[in-house]
C-alpha atoms as a PDB file:
ATOM      1  CA  MET A   1      18.491  18.262  -1.281  1.00  0.00           C
ATOM      2  CA  ALA A   2      15.673  19.927   0.672  1.00  0.00           C
ATOM      3  CA  SER A   3      11.938  19.601   0.845  1.00  0.00           C
ATOM      4  CA  SER A   4       9.605  22.061   2.660  1.00  0.00           C
ATOM      5  CA  ASN A   5       5.890  21.535   3.500  1.00  0.00           C
ATOM      6  CA  THR A   6       2.801  23.621   4.124  1.00  0.00           C
ATOM      7  CA  ILE A   7      -0.334  22.244   5.547  1.00  0.00           C
ATOM      8  CA  GLU A   8      -3.891  23.082   5.117  1.00  0.00           C
ATOM      9  CA  ILE A   9      -6.403  20.964   6.900  1.00  0.00           C
ATOM     10  CA  VAL A  10     -10.136  21.476   6.193  1.00  0.00           C
ATOM     11  CA  GLN A  11     -11.833  19.332   8.892  1.00  0.00           C
ATOM     12  CA  ALA A  12     -15.423  19.894  10.059  1.00  0.00           C
ATOM     13  CA  LYS A  13     -17.439  16.932  10.984  1.00  0.00           C
ATOM     14  CA  ALA A  14     -16.405  15.105   8.012  1.00  0.00           C
ATOM     15  CA  ASP A  15     -13.247  13.284   8.059  1.00  0.00           C
ATOM     16  CA  THR A  16     -11.666  15.000   5.141  1.00  0.00           C
ATOM     17  CA  GLY A  17      -8.590  16.989   4.870  1.00  0.00           C
ATOM     18  CA  SER A  18      -5.763  18.206   2.576  1.00  0.00           C
ATOM     19  CA  HIS A  19      -2.144  18.481   2.678  1.00  0.00           C
ATOM     20  CA  VAL A  20       0.040  20.460   0.407  1.00  0.00           C
ATOM     21  CA  PHE A  21       3.497  19.170  -0.091  1.00  0.00           C
ATOM     22  CA  THR A  22       6.111  21.520  -1.514  1.00  0.00           C
ATOM     23  CA  VAL A  23       8.931  19.773  -3.274  1.00  0.00           C
ATOM     24  CA  MET A  24      12.123  22.006  -3.600  1.00  0.00           C
ATOM     25  CA  GLU A  25      15.250  21.601  -5.384  1.00  0.00           C
ATOM     26  CA  TYR A  26      13.639  19.285  -8.024  1.00  0.00           C
ATOM     27  CA  SER A  27      16.657  19.076 -10.245  1.00  0.00           C
ATOM     28  CA  HIS A  28      18.534  17.420  -7.459  1.00  0.00           C
ATOM     29  CA  VAL A  29      15.559  15.307  -5.942  1.00  0.00           C
ATOM     30  CA  LYS A  30      15.123  13.719  -9.457  1.00  0.00           C
ATOM     31  CA  ARG A  31      18.559  12.132  -9.312  1.00  0.00           C
ATOM     32  CA  ILE A  32      17.927   9.906  -6.263  1.00  0.00           C
ATOM     33  CA  GLY A  33      17.045   6.837  -8.642  1.00  0.00           C
ATOM     34  CA  ILE A  34      14.302   4.411  -9.442  1.00  0.00           C
ATOM     35  CA  GLY A  35      12.199   3.422  -6.669  1.00  0.00           C
ATOM     36  CA  LYS A  36      13.384   5.989  -4.307  1.00  0.00           C
ATOM     37  CA  SER A  37      11.209   8.699  -2.831  1.00  0.00           C
ATOM     38  CA  ILE A  38      11.254  11.755  -0.555  1.00  0.00           C
ATOM     39  CA  SER A  39       8.279  12.110   2.005  1.00  0.00           C
ATOM     40  CA  SER A  40       6.156  15.044   3.236  1.00  0.00           C
ATOM     41  CA  ASN A  41       5.752  15.861   6.792  1.00  0.00           C
ATOM     42  CA  VAL A  42       3.156  13.822   8.578  1.00  0.00           C
ATOM     43  CA  PHE A  43      -0.572  15.078   8.585  1.00  0.00           C
ATOM     44  CA  THR A  44      -3.799  13.981  10.186  1.00  0.00           C
ATOM     45  CA  VAL A  45      -6.968  13.314   8.844  1.00  0.00           C
ATOM     46  CA  GLY A  46      -9.782  11.223  10.475  1.00  0.00           C
ATOM     47  CA  ASP A  47      -7.663  10.427  13.453  1.00  0.00           C
ATOM     48  CA  LEU A  48      -5.149   8.689  11.149  1.00  0.00           C
ATOM     49  CA  ASP A  49      -1.765  10.116  10.521  1.00  0.00           C
ATOM     50  CA  TRP A  50      -0.625  10.212   6.794  1.00  0.00           C
ATOM     51  CA  ARG A  51       2.163  11.156   4.607  1.00  0.00           C
ATOM     52  CA  ILE A  52       2.761  11.779   0.889  1.00  0.00           C
ATOM     53  CA  ASN A  53       5.524   9.829  -0.900  1.00  0.00           C
ATOM     54  CA  PHE A  54       6.882  11.364  -4.181  1.00  0.00           C
ATOM     55  CA  PHE A  55       8.783   8.939  -6.634  1.00  0.00           C
ATOM     56  CA  PRO A  56      10.550  11.268  -9.270  1.00  0.00           C
ATOM     57  CA  ASN A  57      11.845   8.361 -11.188  1.00  0.00           C
ATOM     58  CA  GLY A  58       8.859   5.934 -10.869  1.00  0.00           C
ATOM     59  CA  LYS A  59       8.720   2.944  -8.336  1.00  0.00           C
ATOM     60  CA  SER A  60      10.049   0.347 -10.713  1.00  0.00           C
ATOM     61  CA  ILE A  61      11.667  -0.092 -14.102  1.00  0.00           C
ATOM     62  CA  GLU A  62       8.280  -0.369 -15.524  1.00  0.00           C
ATOM     63  CA  THR A  63       7.303   3.002 -14.391  1.00  0.00           C
ATOM     64  CA  GLN A  64      10.648   4.985 -14.665  1.00  0.00           C
ATOM     65  CA  ASP A  65       9.592   7.598 -17.095  1.00  0.00           C
ATOM     66  CA  PHE A  66       6.700   8.782 -14.813  1.00  0.00           C
ATOM     67  CA  VAL A  67       6.514  10.718 -11.598  1.00  0.00           C
ATOM     68  CA  CYS A  68       4.466   8.904  -9.084  1.00  0.00           C
ATOM     69  CA  PHE A  69       2.732   9.701  -5.741  1.00  0.00           C
ATOM     70  CA  ASP A  70       1.357   7.571  -3.156  1.00  0.00           C
ATOM     71  CA  LEU A  71      -0.492   8.102   0.127  1.00  0.00           C
ATOM     72  CA  GLN A  72       0.804   6.200   3.213  1.00  0.00           C
ATOM     73  CA  LEU A  73      -0.622   5.507   6.548  1.00  0.00           C
ATOM     74  CA  THR A  74       1.790   6.167   9.253  1.00  0.00           C
ATOM     75  CA  SER A  75      -0.413   5.669  12.499  1.00  0.00           C
ATOM     76  CA  CYS A  76      -3.533   5.599  14.075  1.00  0.00           C
ATOM     77  CA  ARG A  77      -4.084   7.782  16.984  1.00  0.00           C
ATOM     78  CA  PHE A  78      -7.078   5.922  18.652  1.00  0.00           C
ATOM     79  CA  GLY A  79      -6.980   2.404  18.639  1.00  0.00           C
ATOM     80  CA  ALA A  80      -5.631  -0.084  15.895  1.00  0.00           C
ATOM     81  CA  PRO A  81      -6.678   0.732  12.246  1.00  0.00           C
ATOM     82  CA  GLN A  82      -8.825  -1.965  10.537  1.00  0.00           C
ATOM     83  CA  SER A  83     -10.289  -1.894   7.165  1.00  0.00           C
ATOM     84  CA  ASN A  84     -10.170   1.805   6.516  1.00  0.00           C
ATOM     85  CA  HIS A  85     -11.652   2.316   3.133  1.00  0.00           C
ATOM     86  CA  VAL A  86     -10.180   5.746   2.242  1.00  0.00           C
ATOM     87  CA  THR A  87     -10.655   8.145  -0.865  1.00  0.00           C
ATOM     88  CA  PHE A  88      -8.088  10.331  -2.065  1.00  0.00           C
ATOM     89  CA  THR A  89      -6.625  12.400  -4.977  1.00  0.00           C
ATOM     90  CA  PHE A  90      -3.389  14.137  -5.861  1.00  0.00           C
ATOM     91  CA  THR A  91      -3.263  17.653  -7.808  1.00  0.00           C
ATOM     92  CA  ILE A  92      -0.553  19.786  -8.984  1.00  0.00           C
ATOM     93  CA  LEU A  93      -0.677  23.412  -7.852  1.00  0.00           C
ATOM     94  CA  ARG A  94       0.300  26.622  -9.468  1.00  0.00           C
ATOM     95  CA  LYS A  95       2.736  28.729  -7.600  1.00  0.00           C
ATOM     96  CA  ASP A  96      -0.237  30.830  -6.169  1.00  0.00           C
ATOM     97  CA  GLY A  97      -1.890  27.706  -4.783  1.00  0.00           C
ATOM     98  CA  LEU A  98      -4.682  27.202  -7.414  1.00  0.00           C
ATOM     99  CA  PRO A  99      -5.246  24.013  -8.850  1.00  0.00           C
ATOM    100  CA  THR A 100      -3.793  23.084 -12.351  1.00  0.00           C
ATOM    101  CA  GLU A 101      -5.315  20.667 -15.179  1.00  0.00           C
ATOM    102  CA  MET A 102      -2.514  18.059 -13.852  1.00  0.00           C
ATOM    103  CA  LYS A 103      -4.640  16.015 -11.449  1.00  0.00           C
ATOM    104  CA  CYS A 104      -6.024  12.542 -10.887  1.00  0.00           C
ATOM    105  CA  GLU A 105      -9.297  10.850 -10.499  1.00  0.00           C
ATOM    106  CA  PRO A 106     -10.197  10.033  -6.930  1.00  0.00           C
ATOM    107  CA  GLN A 107      -9.134   6.487  -5.877  1.00  0.00           C
ATOM    108  CA  SER A 108     -10.193   4.341  -3.269  1.00  0.00           C
ATOM    109  CA  ALA A 109      -7.936   1.966  -1.109  1.00  0.00           C
ATOM    110  CA  THR A 110      -8.270  -0.057   1.902  1.00  0.00           C
ATOM    111  CA  TYR A 111      -5.585   0.724   4.538  1.00  0.00           C
ATOM    112  CA  THR A 112      -5.409  -1.908   7.447  1.00  0.00           C
ATOM    113  CA  VAL A 113      -1.985  -1.384   9.224  1.00  0.00           C
ATOM    114  CA  SER A 114       0.608   1.250   9.678  1.00  0.00           C
ATOM    115  CA  GLY A 115       3.005   1.333   6.686  1.00  0.00           C
ATOM    116  CA  ASP A 116       0.086   0.520   3.999  1.00  0.00           C
ATOM    117  CA  THR A 117       0.645   2.627   0.883  1.00  0.00           C
ATOM    118  CA  SER A 118      -1.609   3.241  -2.249  1.00  0.00           C
ATOM    119  CA  GLY A 119      -1.373   5.778  -5.100  1.00  0.00           C
ATOM    120  CA  TYR A 120      -0.612   6.299  -8.689  1.00  0.00           C
ATOM    121  CA  ASP A 121       2.291   4.464 -10.313  1.00  0.00           C
ATOM    122  CA  LYS A 122       2.033   6.652 -13.487  1.00  0.00           C
ATOM    123  CA  PHE A 123       0.652   9.986 -12.380  1.00  0.00           C
ATOM    124  CA  VAL A 124       2.255  11.767 -15.305  1.00  0.00           C
ATOM    125  CA  GLU A 125       5.147  11.105 -17.815  1.00  0.00           C
ATOM    126  CA  ARG A 126       8.131  13.022 -16.372  1.00  0.00           C
ATOM    127  CA  ARG A 127       8.967  14.748 -19.680  1.00  0.00           C
ATOM    128  CA  ILE A 128       5.345  16.166 -19.908  1.00  0.00           C
ATOM    129  CA  PHE A 129       5.615  17.236 -16.161  1.00  0.00           C
ATOM    130  CA  GLU A 130       8.866  19.076 -16.705  1.00  0.00           C
ATOM    131  CA  ARG A 131       7.738  20.990 -19.920  1.00  0.00           C
ATOM    132  CA  SER A 132       4.410  21.753 -18.325  1.00  0.00           C
ATOM    133  CA  GLY A 133       5.525  25.178 -16.759  1.00  0.00           C
ATOM    134  CA  HIS A 134       4.416  24.010 -13.172  1.00  0.00           C
ATOM    135  CA  LEU A 135       8.067  24.040 -11.994  1.00  0.00           C
ATOM    136  CA  LYS A 136       8.797  27.534 -10.550  1.00  0.00           C
ATOM    137  CA  ASP A 137      12.186  28.075  -9.113  1.00  0.00           C
ATOM    138  CA  ASP A 138      12.936  24.442  -9.233  1.00  0.00           C
ATOM    139  CA  ALA A 139       9.986  23.662  -7.031  1.00  0.00           C
ATOM    140  CA  PHE A 140       6.476  22.548  -7.132  1.00  0.00           C
ATOM    141  CA  LYS A 141       3.482  21.758  -5.004  1.00  0.00           C
ATOM    142  CA  VAL A 142       1.145  18.843  -4.759  1.00  0.00           C
ATOM    143  CA  LYS A 143      -2.076  18.779  -2.808  1.00  0.00           C
ATOM    144  CA  CYS A 144      -3.319  15.502  -1.468  1.00  0.00           C
ATOM    145  CA  THR A 145      -7.065  15.423  -0.376  1.00  0.00           C
ATOM    146  CA  VAL A 146      -8.022  12.517   1.948  1.00  0.00           C
ATOM    147  CA  SER A 147     -11.476  11.278   2.915  1.00  0.00           C
ATOM    148  CA  VAL A 148     -12.031   8.816   5.696  1.00  0.00           C
ATOM    149  CA  PRO A 149     -15.682   7.452   6.126  1.00  0.00           C
ATOM    150  CA  LYS A 150     -16.910   8.372   9.584  1.00  0.00           C
ATOM    151  CA  GLY A 151     -17.043   5.482  11.612  1.00  0.00           C
ATOM    152  CA  LEU A 152     -14.451   3.480  10.006  1.00  0.00           C
ATOM    153  CA  HIS A 153     -11.331   5.068  10.649  1.00  0.00           C
ATOM    154  CA  HIS A 154     -10.621   3.344  13.963  1.00  0.00           C
ATOM    155  CA  GLU A 155     -11.897   0.478  15.891  1.00  0.00           C
ATOM    156  CA  SER A 156     -11.164   0.171  19.788  1.00  0.00           C
ATOM    157  CA  ILE A 157     -10.902  -3.338  20.823  1.00  0.00           C
ATOM    158  CA  SER A 158     -11.485  -3.709  24.719  1.00  0.00           C
ATOM    159  CA  PRO A 159      -9.186  -5.920  26.531  1.00  0.00           C
ATOM    160  CA  TYR A 160     -10.789  -8.710  28.340  1.00  0.00           C
ATOM    161  CA  THR A 161      -9.793 -10.168  31.806  1.00  0.00           C
ATOM    162  CA  THR A 162      -8.987 -13.875  32.888  1.00  0.00           C
ATOM    163  CA  PRO A 163     -11.300 -15.303  35.676  1.00  0.00           C
ATOM    164  CA  ASN A 164      -8.582 -13.996  38.154  1.00  0.00           C
ATOM    165  CA  GLY A 165      -9.122 -10.484  36.986  1.00  0.00           C
ATOM    166  CA  VAL A 166      -5.859 -10.139  35.087  1.00  0.00           C
ATOM    167  CA  PRO A 167      -6.209  -7.825  31.945  1.00  0.00           C
ATOM    168  CA  VAL A 168      -5.205  -9.439  28.641  1.00  0.00           C
ATOM    169  CA  PRO A 169      -3.968  -7.325  25.829  1.00  0.00           C
ATOM    170  CA  SER A 170      -6.115  -6.898  22.940  1.00  0.00           C
ATOM    171  CA  SER A 171      -5.330  -9.219  19.880  1.00  0.00           C
ATOM    172  CA  TYR A 172      -3.829  -7.590  16.730  1.00  0.00           C
ATOM    173  CA  LEU A 173      -2.793 -10.959  15.103  1.00  0.00           C
ATOM    174  CA  ARG A 174      -4.473 -10.319  11.869  1.00  0.00           C
ATOM    175  CA  GLN A 175      -2.924  -6.961  11.332  1.00  0.00           C
ATOM    176  CA  GLN A 176       0.360  -8.211  12.343  1.00  0.00           C
ATOM    177  CA  PHE A 177       0.348 -10.989   9.643  1.00  0.00           C
ATOM    178  CA  ILE A 178      -0.673  -8.652   7.034  1.00  0.00           C
ATOM    179  CA  SER A 179       2.231  -6.529   7.859  1.00  0.00           C
ATOM    180  CA  LEU A 180       4.588  -9.307   7.896  1.00  0.00           C
ATOM    181  CA  LEU A 181       3.281 -10.290   4.386  1.00  0.00           C
ATOM    182  CA  LYS A 182       3.643  -6.580   3.020  1.00  0.00           C
ATOM    183  CA  SER A 183       7.127  -5.957   4.549  1.00  0.00           C
ATOM    184  CA  GLY A 184       8.494  -9.245   3.678  1.00  0.00           C
ATOM    185  CA  ASP A 185      10.452  -9.422   7.005  1.00  0.00           C
ATOM    186  CA  GLY A 186      11.830 -12.715   7.735  1.00  0.00           C
ATOM    187  CA  ALA A 187      10.464 -14.200   4.439  1.00  0.00           C
ATOM    188  CA  ASP A 188      12.207 -17.452   3.505  1.00  0.00           C
ATOM    189  CA  ILE A 189      10.503 -18.423   0.406  1.00  0.00           C
ATOM    190  CA  ILE A 190       9.733 -16.693  -2.928  1.00  0.00           C
ATOM    191  CA  PHE A 191       6.637 -17.560  -5.109  1.00  0.00           C
ATOM    192  CA  GLU A 192       7.438 -16.528  -8.917  1.00  0.00           C
ATOM    193  CA  VAL A 193       4.410 -16.106 -10.806  1.00  0.00           C
ATOM    194  CA  ASP A 194       4.450 -15.117 -14.497  1.00  0.00           C
ATOM    195  CA  GLY A 195       7.622 -13.125 -13.755  1.00  0.00           C
ATOM    196  CA  GLU A 196       6.538 -11.440 -10.723  1.00  0.00           C
ATOM    197  CA  LYS A 197       7.789 -12.537  -7.340  1.00  0.00           C
ATOM    198  CA  PHE A 198       6.191 -12.630  -3.956  1.00  0.00           C
ATOM    199  CA  LYS A 199       7.781 -13.015  -0.518  1.00  0.00           C
ATOM    200  CA  ALA A 200       6.280 -15.324   1.861  1.00  0.00           C
ATOM    201  CA  HIS A 201       6.959 -17.475   5.178  1.00  0.00           C
ATOM    202  CA  ARG A 202       7.175 -21.082   4.634  1.00  0.00           C
ATOM    203  CA  ASN A 203       5.737 -22.375   7.896  1.00  0.00           C
ATOM    204  CA  LEU A 204       2.767 -19.805   7.772  1.00  0.00           C
ATOM    205  CA  VAL A 205       1.704 -20.858   4.394  1.00  0.00           C
ATOM    206  CA  ALA A 206       2.155 -24.322   5.125  1.00  0.00           C
ATOM    207  CA  ALA A 207       0.008 -24.139   8.277  1.00  0.00           C
ATOM    208  CA  ARG A 208      -2.623 -22.417   6.300  1.00  0.00           C
ATOM    209  CA  SER A 209      -2.698 -24.549   3.027  1.00  0.00           C
ATOM    210  CA  GLY A 210      -2.875 -28.383   2.731  1.00  0.00           C
ATOM    211  CA  TYR A 211      -1.444 -28.153  -0.806  1.00  0.00           C
ATOM    212  CA  PHE A 212       1.555 -26.027   0.192  1.00  0.00           C
ATOM    213  CA  ARG A 213       2.142 -28.224   3.434  1.00  0.00           C
ATOM    214  CA  SER A 214       2.198 -31.203   1.214  1.00  0.00           C
ATOM    215  CA  MET A 215       4.612 -29.372  -1.127  1.00  0.00           C
ATOM    216  CA  PHE A 216       7.104 -28.480   1.605  1.00  0.00           C
ATOM    217  CA  SER A 217       6.869 -31.801   3.455  1.00  0.00           C
ATOM    218  CA  PHE A 218      10.424 -33.359   3.297  1.00  0.00           C
ATOM    219  CA  SER A 219       8.534 -36.815   3.063  1.00  0.00           C
ATOM    220  CA  SER A 220       6.874 -35.877  -0.089  1.00  0.00           C
ATOM    221  CA  GLY A 221      10.123 -35.893  -2.040  1.00  0.00           C
ATOM    222  CA  LYS A 222       9.173 -32.852  -3.918  1.00  0.00           C
ATOM    223  CA  LYS A 223      11.981 -30.682  -5.284  1.00  0.00           C
ATOM    224  CA  GLU A 224      10.228 -27.493  -3.828  1.00  0.00           C
ATOM    225  CA  ASN A 225      10.804 -28.630  -0.001  1.00  0.00           C
ATOM    226  CA  ARG A 226      14.429 -27.982  -0.869  1.00  0.00           C
ATOM    227  CA  SER A 227      14.169 -24.720  -2.939  1.00  0.00           C
ATOM    228  CA  ASN A 228      13.795 -21.164  -1.841  1.00  0.00           C
ATOM    229  CA  THR A 229      12.230 -20.103  -5.040  1.00  0.00           C
ATOM    230  CA  ILE A 230       9.117 -21.810  -6.437  1.00  0.00           C
ATOM    231  CA  LYS A 231       7.569 -21.162  -9.812  1.00  0.00           C
ATOM    232  CA  VAL A 232       3.650 -21.226  -9.652  1.00  0.00           C
ATOM    233  CA  ARG A 233       2.036 -21.695 -13.082  1.00  0.00           C
ATOM    234  CA  ASP A 234      -1.486 -21.396 -14.544  1.00  0.00           C
ATOM    235  CA  ILE A 235      -2.683 -18.571 -12.347  1.00  0.00           C
ATOM    236  CA  LYS A 236      -2.423 -14.680 -12.982  1.00  0.00           C
ATOM    237  CA  PRO A 237      -0.118 -12.831 -10.445  1.00  0.00           C
ATOM    238  CA  ALA A 238      -3.041 -10.755  -9.294  1.00  0.00           C
ATOM    239  CA  VAL A 239      -4.884 -13.778  -8.301  1.00  0.00           C
ATOM    240  CA  PHE A 240      -2.146 -15.347  -6.657  1.00  0.00           C
ATOM    241  CA  LYS A 241      -1.521 -12.221  -4.638  1.00  0.00           C
ATOM    242  CA  SER A 242      -5.218 -12.273  -3.433  1.00  0.00           C
ATOM    243  CA  MET A 243      -4.819 -15.834  -2.500  1.00  0.00           C
ATOM    244  CA  LEU A 244      -1.701 -15.078  -0.578  1.00  0.00           C
ATOM    245  CA  TYR A 245      -3.256 -12.137   1.203  1.00  0.00           C
ATOM    246  CA  PHE A 246      -6.090 -14.447   2.146  1.00  0.00           C
ATOM    247  CA  ILE A 247      -3.750 -16.990   3.541  1.00  0.00           C
ATOM    248  CA  TYR A 248      -2.407 -14.426   5.816  1.00  0.00           C
ATOM    249  CA  SER A 249      -5.392 -12.400   6.728  1.00  0.00           C
ATOM    250  CA  ASP A 250      -8.343 -14.642   6.240  1.00  0.00           C
ATOM    251  CA  THR A 251      -9.810 -11.800   4.392  1.00  0.00           C
ATOM    252  CA  TRP A 252     -10.820 -11.191   0.692  1.00  0.00           C
ATOM    253  CA  VAL A 253      -9.304  -8.086  -0.956  1.00  0.00           C
ATOM    254  CA  GLU A 254      -9.799  -6.977  -4.543  1.00  0.00           C
ATOM    255  CA  ASN A 255      -6.411  -5.663  -5.795  1.00  0.00           C
ATOM    256  CA  SER A 256      -6.400  -5.860  -9.517  1.00  0.00           C
ATOM    257  CA  ASP A 257      -7.315  -3.233 -12.119  1.00  0.00           C
ATOM    258  CA  ASP A 258      -7.041  -5.639 -15.015  1.00  0.00           C
ATOM    259  CA  ILE A 259      -9.224  -8.599 -13.833  1.00  0.00           C
ATOM    260  CA  ASP A 260     -13.120  -7.804 -12.998  1.00  0.00           C
ATOM    261  CA  GLY A 261     -14.572  -9.103  -9.715  1.00  0.00           C
ATOM    262  CA  GLY A 262     -16.453 -11.961 -11.133  1.00  0.00           C
ATOM    263  CA  ASP A 263     -13.506 -13.268 -13.088  1.00  0.00           C
ATOM    264  CA  MET A 264     -11.106 -12.667 -10.035  1.00  0.00           C
ATOM    265  CA  ALA A 265     -13.652 -14.858  -7.853  1.00  0.00           C
ATOM    266  CA  GLN A 266     -13.843 -17.776 -10.355  1.00  0.00           C
ATOM    267  CA  GLN A 267      -9.861 -17.653 -10.664  1.00  0.00           C
ATOM    268  CA  LEU A 268      -9.608 -17.687  -6.967  1.00  0.00           C
ATOM    269  CA  LEU A 269     -11.837 -20.644  -6.674  1.00  0.00           C
ATOM    270  CA  ALA A 270      -9.680 -22.533  -9.089  1.00  0.00           C
ATOM    271  CA  ALA A 271      -6.526 -21.487  -7.194  1.00  0.00           C
ATOM    272  CA  ALA A 272      -8.150 -22.838  -4.042  1.00  0.00           C
ATOM    273  CA  ASP A 273      -8.203 -26.217  -5.609  1.00  0.00           C
ATOM    274  CA  LEU A 274      -4.256 -26.044  -5.921  1.00  0.00           C
END
């Protein structure tokens, strides 16, 4: 298995750039399995480092018949990234580098910490892609164009000093908690919501929510304080995901395509009464 990369960065004062990822030996790459990906080289746009991830068999069982792409933040060159509202798009290219009709509408996403990803879980059906004629010599090219609004791509947080003049490192606690939630590292509890599972950390959730603190208390006599998996009813997975994100970050985030903002807000208010 092999992959090669070429890069073309268009970067004036606007923080916009493009990267072309060439996937070689596609017939071998597509055998890696569901949820597995190969990645491009790292490229830089807006003082942020990125890479493209290609999933030839989808990210999950539900998307296994699609080829998928996502854009991953790998690092921020100046300071800690915070609330980077990024717009990006993917386009399959012809062998000569010209764009094909196989492309997606620009998508916006908020990137907070290194490792954050966003993309297209159903970019195109694999059978359509393979019959499109865009595979040449068992290879194809995909171009990702990224736009980072100026002034939002990094935030420098100056360290402060104690009265004795000892410098104190800047705090990135919020970003670290969000990263912990997304990675699931050290998670010791799973919330199951309408068949969808969310990993979490019992003590952190209990510290932030009186409802869960009561649930996990051994003195409460509730069965949840002895279980590692808890089923949550009467709430949609997207709403619970937003609520969990708020618990870890103290920040509201919209992350559902099937629930509009007003309905989401109402459901979150209901969830807050849990």
